[in-house]
Structures are given as C-alpha cells and as structure tokens.
C-alpha cells in the first residue's frame, strides 16, 4: 500500500511544534507534520513493526513502530531551504535526518 504527498500537500496539513536538539545539541522548536498523523493516513497494517526514514542521500534511520507511535510529538519538520527533517523529542540518541524523502513501514 504505497502513498505519497508532495511538500505542498504536507505544508497544507495540520502542523504542530516539537522541541528537539539542533545540530549544536541545543533545544530548538521545530514546526512540522505529526509522524503519527502520516502513519494513520497511510493506514498502517497491524503486522507492521518497523519504520524506516530515508533521505535524498540514501541515509536511513530505523525505529520500532511501537516506539514511534508512542511518541505523540515526533514530527517531520519543515526545513527553511525546503524539504523535511526528523524532530523526535525524547530520542536524543538518534541522529537527526535532513532531506527525508521516504518513509517505509514494514
């Protein structure tokens, strides 16, 4: 079940803010789309256990679906120069991905 949105469509969706570490490790407030909202729109199947975020450079970040759905304020934030980044408060040990272009649920 493949589903996609343009950046314009994402910008038109309901947004929320999340506070997460920036590149310098300092807390910053980001605005974006709730990852849980996107997963709900995609109608993720019950047997799914893993979510992988993929960037335009091929960098990946894999998370358990349970951890991600438990995070009510995890977002894909809008970047000033266009595109999306991960902002996952409470997951400070995870790298912050820039240029996210795909989410794979398996």
PDB file of N, CA and C in Angstrom:
ATOM      1  N   UNK A   1       0.853  -1.174   0.000  1.00  0.00           N
ATOM      2  CA  UNK A   1       0.000   0.000   0.000  1.00  0.00           C
ATOM      3  C   UNK A   1       0.897   1.235   0.000  1.00  0.00           C
ATOM      4  N   UNK A   2       1.129   1.802  -1.163  1.00  0.00           N
ATOM      5  CA  UNK A   2       2.022   2.956  -1.285  1.00  0.00           C
ATOM      6  C   UNK A   2       1.219   4.243  -1.358  1.00  0.00           C
ATOM      7  N   UNK A   3       1.686   5.244  -0.626  1.00  0.00           N
ATOM      8  CA  UNK A   3       1.010   6.525  -0.546  1.00  0.00           C
ATOM      9  C   UNK A   3       2.073   7.605  -0.553  1.00  0.00           C
ATOM     10  N   UNK A   4       1.797   8.732  -1.184  1.00  0.00           N
ATOM     11  CA  UNK A   4       2.788   9.800  -1.213  1.00  0.00           C
ATOM     12  C   UNK A   4       2.140  11.165  -1.134  1.00  0.00           C
ATOM     13  N   UNK A   5       2.918  12.130  -0.647  1.00  0.00           N
ATOM     14  CA  UNK A   5       2.466  13.511  -0.563  1.00  0.00           C
ATOM     15  C   UNK A   5       3.555  14.412  -1.102  1.00  0.00           C
ATOM     16  N   UNK A   6       3.153  15.482  -1.750  1.00  0.00           N
ATOM     17  CA  UNK A   6       4.122  16.493  -2.172  1.00  0.00           C
ATOM     18  C   UNK A   6       4.442  17.366  -0.960  1.00  0.00           C
ATOM     19  N   UNK A   7       5.512  18.137  -1.076  1.00  0.00           N
ATOM     20  CA  UNK A   7       5.848  19.047   0.017  1.00  0.00           C
ATOM     21  C   UNK A   7       4.724  20.061   0.226  1.00  0.00           C
ATOM     22  N   UNK A   8       4.114  20.519  -0.863  1.00  0.00           N
ATOM     23  CA  UNK A   8       2.999  21.467  -0.760  1.00  0.00           C
ATOM     24  C   UNK A   8       1.822  20.844  -0.006  1.00  0.00           C
ATOM     25  N   UNK A   9       1.541  19.579  -0.264  1.00  0.00           N
ATOM     26  CA  UNK A   9       0.450  18.897   0.442  1.00  0.00           C
ATOM     27  C   UNK A   9       0.764  18.770   1.930  1.00  0.00           C
ATOM     28  N   UNK A  10       2.017  18.461   2.248  1.00  0.00           N
ATOM     29  CA  UNK A  10       2.413  18.363   3.652  1.00  0.00           C
ATOM     30  C   UNK A  10       2.307  19.721   4.344  1.00  0.00           C
ATOM     31  N   UNK A  11       2.726  20.774   3.650  1.00  0.00           N
ATOM     32  CA  UNK A  11       2.646  22.126   4.214  1.00  0.00           C
ATOM     33  C   UNK A  11       1.203  22.539   4.486  1.00  0.00           C
ATOM     34  N   UNK A  12       0.262  21.984   3.726  1.00  0.00           N
ATOM     35  CA  UNK A  12      -1.152  22.324   3.888  1.00  0.00           C
ATOM     36  C   UNK A  12      -1.822  21.528   5.010  1.00  0.00           C
ATOM     37  N   UNK A  13      -1.150  20.494   5.520  1.00  0.00           N
ATOM     38  CA  UNK A  13      -1.718  19.671   6.588  1.00  0.00           C
ATOM     39  C   UNK A  13      -1.630  20.406   7.927  1.00  0.00           C
ATOM     40  N   UNK A  14      -2.380  19.899   8.897  1.00  0.00           N
ATOM     41  CA  UNK A  14      -2.299  20.454  10.249  1.00  0.00           C
ATOM     42  C   UNK A  14      -0.879  20.259  10.770  1.00  0.00           C
ATOM     43  N   UNK A  15      -0.320  21.306  11.348  1.00  0.00           N
ATOM     44  CA  UNK A  15       1.054  21.229  11.848  1.00  0.00           C
ATOM     45  C   UNK A  15       1.070  21.258  13.371  1.00  0.00           C
ATOM     46  N   UNK A  16       2.216  20.920  13.911  1.00  0.00           N
ATOM     47  CA  UNK A  16       2.432  21.009  15.347  1.00  0.00           C
ATOM     48  C   UNK A  16       3.886  21.371  15.582  1.00  0.00           C
ATOM     49  N   UNK A  17       4.195  21.747  16.804  1.00  0.00           N
ATOM     50  CA  UNK A  17       5.569  22.087  17.145  1.00  0.00           C
ATOM     51  C   UNK A  17       6.159  21.002  18.026  1.00  0.00           C
ATOM     52  N   UNK A  18       7.470  20.842  17.922  1.00  0.00           N
ATOM     53  CA  UNK A  18       8.197  19.900  18.764  1.00  0.00           C
ATOM     54  C   UNK A  18       9.532  20.525  19.122  1.00  0.00           C
ATOM     55  N   UNK A  19       9.948  20.299  20.350  1.00  0.00           N
ATOM     56  CA  UNK A  19      11.237  20.805  20.799  1.00  0.00           C
ATOM     57  C   UNK A  19      12.221  19.646  20.779  1.00  0.00           C
ATOM     58  N   UNK A  20      13.300  19.822  20.026  1.00  0.00           N
ATOM     59  CA  UNK A  20      14.300  18.766  19.872  1.00  0.00           C
ATOM     60  C   UNK A  20      15.673  19.412  19.716  1.00  0.00           C
ATOM     61  N   UNK A  21      16.740  18.634  19.975  1.00  0.00           N
ATOM     62  CA  UNK A  21      18.092  19.190  19.831  1.00  0.00           C
ATOM     63  C   UNK A  21      18.405  19.554  18.380  1.00  0.00           C
ATOM     64  N   UNK A  22      19.072  20.699  18.190  1.00  0.00           N
ATOM     65  CA  UNK A  22      19.524  21.084  16.852  1.00  0.00           C
ATOM     66  C   UNK A  22      20.920  20.514  16.603  1.00  0.00           C
ATOM     67  N   UNK A  23      21.565  20.944  15.537  1.00  0.00           N
ATOM     68  CA  UNK A  23      22.893  20.426  15.183  1.00  0.00           C
ATOM     69  C   UNK A  23      23.932  20.671  16.266  1.00  0.00           C
ATOM     70  N   UNK A  24      23.732  21.718  17.072  1.00  0.00           N
ATOM     71  CA  UNK A  24      24.682  22.058  18.133  1.00  0.00           C
ATOM     72  C   UNK A  24      24.316  21.426  19.466  1.00  0.00           C
ATOM     73  N   UNK A  25      23.259  20.597  19.478  1.00  0.00           N
ATOM     74  CA  UNK A  25      22.835  19.954  20.705  1.00  0.00           C
ATOM     75  C   UNK A  25      21.964  20.830  21.590  1.00  0.00           C
ATOM     76  N   UNK A  26      21.617  22.018  21.102  1.00  0.00           N
ATOM     77  CA  UNK A  26      20.763  22.929  21.868  1.00  0.00           C
ATOM     78  C   UNK A  26      19.308  22.698  21.481  1.00  0.00           C
ATOM     79  N   UNK A  27      18.400  22.824  22.464  1.00  0.00           N
ATOM     80  CA  UNK A  27      16.979  22.633  22.165  1.00  0.00           C
ATOM     81  C   UNK A  27      16.464  23.751  21.279  1.00  0.00           C
ATOM     82  N   UNK A  28      15.695  23.352  20.285  1.00  0.00           N
ATOM     83  CA  UNK A  28      15.111  24.301  19.345  1.00  0.00           C
ATOM     84  C   UNK A  28      13.680  23.852  19.068  1.00  0.00           C
ATOM     85  N   UNK A  29      12.805  24.795  18.761  1.00  0.00           N
ATOM     86  CA  UNK A  29      11.418  24.464  18.440  1.00  0.00           C
ATOM     87  C   UNK A  29      11.268  24.343  16.932  1.00  0.00           C
ATOM     88  N   UNK A  30      10.734  23.207  16.508  1.00  0.00           N
ATOM     89  CA  UNK A  30      10.532  22.926  15.087  1.00  0.00           C
ATOM     90  C   UNK A  30       9.040  22.817  14.806  1.00  0.00           C
ATOM     91  N   UNK A  31       8.633  23.162  13.591  1.00  0.00           N
ATOM     92  CA  UNK A  31       7.245  23.040  13.152  1.00  0.00           C
ATOM     93  C   UNK A  31       7.186  22.032  12.019  1.00  0.00           C
ATOM     94  N   UNK A  32       6.195  21.159  12.072  1.00  0.00           N
ATOM     95  CA  UNK A  32       6.068  20.163  11.021  1.00  0.00           C
ATOM     96  C   UNK A  32       4.791  19.365  11.149  1.00  0.00           C
ATOM     97  N   UNK A  33       4.781  18.222  10.486  1.00  0.00           N
ATOM     98  CA  UNK A  33       3.621  17.337  10.452  1.00  0.00           C
ATOM     99  C   UNK A  33       3.872  16.152  11.378  1.00  0.00           C
ATOM    100  N   UNK A  34       2.874  15.805  12.154  1.00  0.00           N
ATOM    101  CA  UNK A  34       2.964  14.665  13.062  1.00  0.00           C
ATOM    102  C   UNK A  34       3.219  13.378  12.273  1.00  0.00           C
ATOM    103  N   UNK A  35       4.235  12.630  12.705  1.00  0.00           N
ATOM    104  CA  UNK A  35       4.515  11.346  12.055  1.00  0.00           C
ATOM    105  C   UNK A  35       3.337  10.399  12.270  1.00  0.00           C
ATOM    106  N   UNK A  36       2.737  10.434  13.458  1.00  0.00           N
ATOM    107  CA  UNK A  36       1.588   9.566  13.720  1.00  0.00           C
ATOM    108  C   UNK A  36       0.413   9.883  12.800  1.00  0.00           C
ATOM    109  N   UNK A  37       0.221  11.157  12.467  1.00  0.00           N
ATOM    110  CA  UNK A  37      -0.847  11.524  11.526  1.00  0.00           C
ATOM    111  C   UNK A  37      -0.592  10.918  10.154  1.00  0.00           C
ATOM    112  N   UNK A  38       0.670  10.977   9.723  1.00  0.00           N
ATOM    113  CA  UNK A  38       1.012  10.396   8.419  1.00  0.00           C
ATOM    114  C   UNK A  38       0.819   8.885   8.431  1.00  0.00           C
ATOM    115  N   UNK A  39       1.211   8.232   9.532  1.00  0.00           N
ATOM    116  CA  UNK A  39       1.028   6.782   9.635  1.00  0.00           C
ATOM    117  C   UNK A  39      -0.458   6.432   9.629  1.00  0.00           C
ATOM    118  N   UNK A  40      -1.279   7.236  10.281  1.00  0.00           N
ATOM    119  CA  UNK A  40      -2.727   6.993  10.295  1.00  0.00           C
ATOM    120  C   UNK A  40      -3.316   7.149   8.898  1.00  0.00           C
ATOM    121  N   UNK A  41      -2.885   8.190   8.176  1.00  0.00           N
ATOM    122  CA  UNK A  41      -3.368   8.392   6.806  1.00  0.00           C
ATOM    123  C   UNK A  41      -2.956   7.240   5.895  1.00  0.00           C
ATOM    124  N   UNK A  42      -1.795   6.661   6.183  1.00  0.00           N
ATOM    125  CA  UNK A  42      -1.294   5.545   5.373  1.00  0.00           C
ATOM    126  C   UNK A  42      -1.954   4.221   5.748  1.00  0.00           C
ATOM    127  N   UNK A  43      -2.778   4.232   6.791  1.00  0.00           N
ATOM    128  CA  UNK A  43      -3.479   3.023   7.246  1.00  0.00           C
ATOM    129  C   UNK A  43      -2.511   1.860   7.420  1.00  0.00           C
ATOM    130  N   UNK A  44      -1.531   2.055   8.309  1.00  0.00           N
ATOM    131  CA  UNK A  44      -0.505   1.048   8.577  1.00  0.00           C
ATOM    132  C   UNK A  44      -1.159  -0.229   9.093  1.00  0.00           C
ATOM    133  N   UNK A  45      -0.739  -1.347   8.547  1.00  0.00           N
ATOM    134  CA  UNK A  45      -1.302  -2.651   8.905  1.00  0.00           C
ATOM    135  C   UNK A  45      -0.792  -3.113  10.274  1.00  0.00           C
ATOM    136  N   UNK A  46      -1.593  -3.930  10.949  1.00  0.00           N
ATOM    137  CA  UNK A  46      -1.270  -4.397  12.300  1.00  0.00           C
ATOM    138  C   UNK A  46       0.027  -5.184  12.386  1.00  0.00           C
ATOM    139  N   UNK A  47       0.394  -5.898  11.332  1.00  0.00           N
ATOM    140  CA  UNK A  47       1.595  -6.728  11.391  1.00  0.00           C
ATOM    141  C   UNK A  47       2.882  -5.922  11.210  1.00  0.00           C
ATOM    142  N   UNK A  48       2.774  -4.651  10.896  1.00  0.00           N
ATOM    143  CA  UNK A  48       3.963  -3.810  10.722  1.00  0.00           C
ATOM    144  C   UNK A  48       4.660  -3.620  12.068  1.00  0.00           C
ATOM    145  N   UNK A  49       5.998  -3.630  12.060  1.00  0.00           N
ATOM    146  CA  UNK A  49       6.758  -3.478  13.301  1.00  0.00           C
ATOM    147  C   UNK A  49       7.865  -2.437  13.200  1.00  0.00           C
ATOM    148  N   UNK A  50       8.243  -2.050  11.981  1.00  0.00           N
ATOM    149  CA  UNK A  50       9.409  -1.191  11.786  1.00  0.00           C
ATOM    150  C   UNK A  50       9.079  -0.037  10.850  1.00  0.00           C
ATOM    151  N   UNK A  51       9.650   1.128  11.160  1.00  0.00           N
ATOM    152  CA  UNK A  51       9.521   2.301  10.297  1.00  0.00           C
ATOM    153  C   UNK A  51      10.928   2.756   9.933  1.00  0.00           C
ATOM    154  N   UNK A  52      11.176   2.922   8.633  1.00  0.00           N
ATOM    155  CA  UNK A  52      12.480   3.377   8.159  1.00  0.00           C
ATOM    156  C   UNK A  52      12.305   4.699   7.426  1.00  0.00           C
ATOM    157  N   UNK A  53      13.078   5.690   7.847  1.00  0.00           N
ATOM    158  CA  UNK A  53      13.095   7.001   7.195  1.00  0.00           C
ATOM    159  C   UNK A  53      14.301   7.033   6.267  1.00  0.00           C
ATOM    160  N   UNK A  54      14.099   7.499   5.039  1.00  0.00           N
ATOM    161  CA  UNK A  54      15.161   7.510   4.031  1.00  0.00           C
ATOM    162  C   UNK A  54      15.318   8.936   3.507  1.00  0.00           C
ATOM    163  N   UNK A  55      16.584   9.392   3.401  1.00  0.00           N
ATOM    164  CA  UNK A  55      16.853  10.751   2.922  1.00  0.00           C
ATOM    165  C   UNK A  55      17.183  10.746   1.436  1.00  0.00           C
ATOM    166  N   UNK A  56      17.278  11.948   0.885  1.00  0.00           N
ATOM    167  CA  UNK A  56      17.622  12.093  -0.532  1.00  0.00           C
ATOM    168  C   UNK A  56      19.057  11.665  -0.829  1.00  0.00           C
ATOM    169  N   UNK A  57      19.880  11.468   0.213  1.00  0.00           N
ATOM    170  CA  UNK A  57      21.251  10.987   0.006  1.00  0.00           C
ATOM    171  C   UNK A  57      21.389   9.503   0.327  1.00  0.00           C
ATOM    172  N   UNK A  58      20.268   8.845   0.691  1.00  0.00           N
ATOM    173  CA  UNK A  58      20.294   7.419   0.979  1.00  0.00           C
ATOM    174  C   UNK A  58      20.543   7.079   2.437  1.00  0.00           C
ATOM    175  N   UNK A  59      20.716   8.086   3.282  1.00  0.00           N
ATOM    176  CA  UNK A  59      20.882   7.839   4.715  1.00  0.00           C
ATOM    177  C   UNK A  59      19.566   7.305   5.265  1.00  0.00           C
ATOM    178  N   UNK A  60      19.639   6.375   6.221  1.00  0.00           N
ATOM    179  CA  UNK A  60      18.423   5.786   6.768  1.00  0.00           C
ATOM    180  C   UNK A  60      18.423   5.830   8.290  1.00  0.00           C
ATOM    181  N   UNK A  61      17.232   5.788   8.839  1.00  0.00           N
ATOM    182  CA  UNK A  61      17.026   5.695  10.280  1.00  0.00           C
ATOM    183  C   UNK A  61      15.871   4.739  10.487  1.00  0.00           C
ATOM    184  N   UNK A  62      16.122   3.671  11.259  1.00  0.00           N
ATOM    185  CA  UNK A  62      15.096   2.666  11.502  1.00  0.00           C
ATOM    186  C   UNK A  62      14.643   2.753  12.956  1.00  0.00           C
ATOM    187  N   UNK A  63      13.338   2.703  13.158  1.00  0.00           N
ATOM    188  CA  UNK A  63      12.751   2.739  14.500  1.00  0.00           C
ATOM    189  C   UNK A  63      11.666   1.683  14.603  1.00  0.00           C
ATOM    190  N   UNK A  64      11.389   1.260  15.831  1.00  0.00           N
ATOM    191  CA  UNK A  64      10.260   0.349  16.003  1.00  0.00           C
ATOM    192  C   UNK A  64       8.971   1.164  15.875  1.00  0.00           C
ATOM    193  N   UNK A  65       7.981   0.575  15.248  1.00  0.00           N
ATOM    194  CA  UNK A  65       6.690   1.244  15.075  1.00  0.00           C
ATOM    195  C   UNK A  65       6.081   1.563  16.437  1.00  0.00           C
ATOM    196  N   UNK A  66       6.244   0.662  17.408  1.00  0.00           N
ATOM    197  CA  UNK A  66       5.686   0.881  18.748  1.00  0.00           C
ATOM    198  C   UNK A  66       6.297   2.119  19.400  1.00  0.00           C
ATOM    199  N   UNK A  67       7.626   2.279  19.307  1.00  0.00           N
ATOM    200  CA  UNK A  67       8.284   3.460  19.880  1.00  0.00           C
ATOM    201  C   UNK A  67       7.791   4.731  19.207  1.00  0.00           C
ATOM    202  N   UNK A  68       7.667   4.670  17.893  1.00  0.00           N
ATOM    203  CA  UNK A  68       7.275   5.858  17.139  1.00  0.00           C
ATOM    204  C   UNK A  68       5.831   6.260  17.433  1.00  0.00           C
ATOM    205  N   UNK A  69       4.925   5.296  17.479  1.00  0.00           N
ATOM    206  CA  UNK A  69       3.524   5.632  17.745  1.00  0.00           C
ATOM    207  C   UNK A  69       3.325   6.091  19.190  1.00  0.00           C
ATOM    208  N   UNK A  70       4.222   5.698  20.089  1.00  0.00           N
ATOM    209  CA  UNK A  70       4.153   6.161  21.480  1.00  0.00           C
ATOM    210  C   UNK A  70       4.637   7.604  21.618  1.00  0.00           C
ATOM    211  N   UNK A  71       5.263   8.130  20.573  1.00  0.00           N
ATOM    212  CA  UNK A  71       5.801   9.496  20.594  1.00  0.00           C
ATOM    213  C   UNK A  71       4.778  10.444  19.973  1.00  0.00           C
ATOM    214  N   UNK A  72       3.989  11.079  20.812  1.00  0.00           N
ATOM    215  CA  UNK A  72       2.932  11.959  20.330  1.00  0.00           C
ATOM    216  C   UNK A  72       3.414  13.254  19.708  1.00  0.00           C
ATOM    217  N   UNK A  73       4.685  13.614  19.937  1.00  0.00           N
ATOM    218  CA  UNK A  73       5.188  14.874  19.383  1.00  0.00           C
ATOM    219  C   UNK A  73       6.365  14.680  18.432  1.00  0.00           C
ATOM    220  N   UNK A  74       6.495  13.495  17.850  1.00  0.00           N
ATOM    221  CA  UNK A  74       7.511  13.266  16.818  1.00  0.00           C
ATOM    222  C   UNK A  74       6.971  13.802  15.490  1.00  0.00           C
ATOM    223  N   UNK A  75       7.781  14.629  14.837  1.00  0.00           N
ATOM    224  CA  UNK A  75       7.324  15.270  13.601  1.00  0.00           C
ATOM    225  C   UNK A  75       8.369  15.169  12.502  1.00  0.00           C
ATOM    226  N   UNK A  76       7.905  15.375  11.283  1.00  0.00           N
ATOM    227  CA  UNK A  76       8.791  15.686  10.168  1.00  0.00           C
ATOM    228  C   UNK A  76       8.720  17.196  10.050  1.00  0.00           C
ATOM    229  N   UNK A  77       9.825  17.859  10.372  1.00  0.00           N
ATOM    230  CA  UNK A  77       9.820  19.323  10.407  1.00  0.00           C
ATOM    231  C   UNK A  77      10.138  19.898   9.039  1.00  0.00           C
ATOM    232  N   UNK A  78       9.580  21.069   8.798  1.00  0.00           N
ATOM    233  CA  UNK A  78       9.813  21.778   7.541  1.00  0.00           C
ATOM    234  C   UNK A  78      11.142  22.510   7.628  1.00  0.00           C
ATOM    235  N   UNK A  79      11.997  22.331   6.632  1.00  0.00           N
ATOM    236  CA  UNK A  79      13.294  22.990   6.601  1.00  0.00           C
ATOM    237  C   UNK A  79      13.164  24.335   5.891  1.00  0.00           C
ATOM    238  N   UNK A  80      13.934  25.307   6.345  1.00  0.00           N
ATOM    239  CA  UNK A  80      13.920  26.646   5.757  1.00  0.00           C
ATOM    240  C   UNK A  80      14.213  26.595   4.264  1.00  0.00           C
ATOM    241  N   UNK A  81      15.157  25.753   3.870  1.00  0.00           N
ATOM    242  CA  UNK A  81      15.566  25.647   2.470  1.00  0.00           C
ATOM    243  C   UNK A  81      14.726  24.629   1.698  1.00  0.00           C
ATOM    244  N   UNK A  82      13.633  24.162   2.301  1.00  0.00           N
ATOM    245  CA  UNK A  82      12.780  23.172   1.657  1.00  0.00           C
ATOM    246  C   UNK A  82      13.137  21.776   2.113  1.00  0.00           C
ATOM    247  N   UNK A  83      12.186  20.898   2.029  1.00  0.00           N
ATOM    248  CA  UNK A  83      12.415  19.523   2.451  1.00  0.00           C
ATOM    249  C   UNK A  83      12.019  19.307   3.901  1.00  0.00           C
ATOM    250  N   UNK A  84      12.306  18.107   4.376  1.00  0.00           N
ATOM    251  CA  UNK A  84      11.866  17.679   5.702  1.00  0.00           C
ATOM    252  C   UNK A  84      13.019  17.098   6.505  1.00  0.00           C
ATOM    253  N   UNK A  85      12.939  17.267   7.821  1.00  0.00           N
ATOM    254  CA  UNK A  85      13.901  16.673   8.747  1.00  0.00           C
ATOM    255  C   UNK A  85      13.133  15.970   9.854  1.00  0.00           C
ATOM    256  N   UNK A  86      13.781  15.007  10.499  1.00  0.00           N
ATOM    257  CA  UNK A  86      13.160  14.367  11.647  1.00  0.00           C
ATOM    258  C   UNK A  86      13.371  15.240  12.876  1.00  0.00           C
ATOM    259  N   UNK A  87      12.352  15.353  13.696  1.00  0.00           N
ATOM    260  CA  UNK A  87      12.441  16.001  15.006  1.00  0.00           C
ATOM    261  C   UNK A  87      11.704  15.080  15.967  1.00  0.00           C
ATOM    262  N   UNK A  88      12.481  14.281  16.707  1.00  0.00           N
ATOM    263  CA  UNK A  88      11.921  13.248  17.572  1.00  0.00           C
ATOM    264  C   UNK A  88      12.297  13.505  19.024  1.00  0.00           C
ATOM    265  N   UNK A  89      11.533  14.335  19.738  1.00  0.00           N
ATOM    266  CA  UNK A  89      11.819  14.608  21.146  1.00  0.00           C
ATOM    267  C   UNK A  89      11.822  13.310  21.959  1.00  0.00           C
ATOM    268  N   UNK A  90      12.773  13.198  22.862  1.00  0.00           N
ATOM    269  CA  UNK A  90      12.863  12.002  23.690  1.00  0.00           C
ATOM    270  C   UNK A  90      13.727  10.918  23.083  1.00  0.00           C
ATOM    271  N   UNK A  91      14.136  11.092  21.855  1.00  0.00           N
ATOM    272  CA  UNK A  91      15.014  10.129  21.186  1.00  0.00           C
ATOM    273  C   UNK A  91      16.328  10.823  20.847  1.00  0.00           C
ATOM    274  N   UNK A  92      16.924  11.453  21.855  1.00  0.00           N
ATOM    275  CA  UNK A  92      18.123  12.260  21.642  1.00  0.00           C
ATOM    276  C   UNK A  92      19.320  11.445  21.155  1.00  0.00           C
ATOM    277  N   UNK A  93      19.273  10.128  21.361  1.00  0.00           N
ATOM    278  CA  UNK A  93      20.375   9.273  20.911  1.00  0.00           C
ATOM    279  C   UNK A  93      20.309   8.989  19.411  1.00  0.00           C
ATOM    280  N   UNK A  94      19.180   9.295  18.787  1.00  0.00           N
ATOM    281  CA  UNK A  94      19.041   9.049  17.348  1.00  0.00           C
ATOM    282  C   UNK A  94      19.567  10.236  16.551  1.00  0.00           C
ATOM    283  N   UNK A  95      20.170   9.968  15.401  1.00  0.00           N
ATOM    284  CA  UNK A  95      20.618  11.087  14.565  1.00  0.00           C
ATOM    285  C   UNK A  95      19.420  11.837  13.991  1.00  0.00           C
ATOM    286  N   UNK A  96      19.604  13.112  13.743  1.00  0.00           N
ATOM    287  CA  UNK A  96      18.562  13.936  13.120  1.00  0.00           C
ATOM    288  C   UNK A  96      18.767  13.874  11.614  1.00  0.00           C
ATOM    289  N   UNK A  97      17.803  13.315  10.910  1.00  0.00           N
ATOM    290  CA  UNK A  97      17.926  13.178   9.456  1.00  0.00           C
ATOM    291  C   UNK A  97      17.420  14.424   8.755  1.00  0.00           C
ATOM    292  N   UNK A  98      18.161  14.870   7.752  1.00  0.00           N
ATOM    293  CA  UNK A  98      17.756  16.007   6.921  1.00  0.00           C
ATOM    294  C   UNK A  98      17.487  15.498   5.504  1.00  0.00           C
ATOM    295  N   UNK A  99      16.486  16.077   4.862  1.00  0.00           N
ATOM    296  CA  UNK A  99      16.185  15.678   3.493  1.00  0.00           C
ATOM    297  C   UNK A  99      15.410  14.382   3.397  1.00  0.00           C
ATOM    298  N   UNK A 100      14.513  14.135   4.365  1.00  0.00           N
ATOM    299  CA  UNK A 100      13.710  12.906   4.338  1.00  0.00           C
ATOM    300  C   UNK A 100      12.794  12.936   3.117  1.00  0.00           C
ATOM    301  N   UNK A 101      12.849  11.869   2.320  1.00  0.00           N
ATOM    302  CA  UNK A 101      12.028  11.794   1.111  1.00  0.00           C
ATOM    303  C   UNK A 101      11.112  10.569   1.093  1.00  0.00           C
ATOM    304  N   UNK A 102      11.352   9.630   2.025  1.00  0.00           N
ATOM    305  CA  UNK A 102      10.551   8.409   2.006  1.00  0.00           C
ATOM    306  C   UNK A 102      10.455   7.829   3.410  1.00  0.00           C
ATOM    307  N   UNK A 103       9.285   7.257   3.703  1.00  0.00           N
ATOM    308  CA  UNK A 103       9.068   6.510   4.939  1.00  0.00           C
ATOM    309  C   UNK A 103       8.582   5.131   4.522  1.00  0.00           C
ATOM    310  N   UNK A 104       9.266   4.091   4.996  1.00  0.00           N
ATOM    311  CA  UNK A 104       8.882   2.719   4.669  1.00  0.00           C
ATOM    312  C   UNK A 104       8.440   2.033   5.957  1.00  0.00           C
ATOM    313  N   UNK A 105       7.232   1.480   5.946  1.00  0.00           N
ATOM    314  CA  UNK A 105       6.706   0.754   7.096  1.00  0.00           C
ATOM    315  C   UNK A 105       6.674  -0.717   6.727  1.00  0.00           C
ATOM    316  N   UNK A 106       7.304  -1.539   7.569  1.00  0.00           N
ATOM    317  CA  UNK A 106       7.343  -2.983   7.257  1.00  0.00           C
ATOM    318  C   UNK A 106       7.118  -3.815   8.505  1.00  0.00           C
TER     319      UNK A 106
END
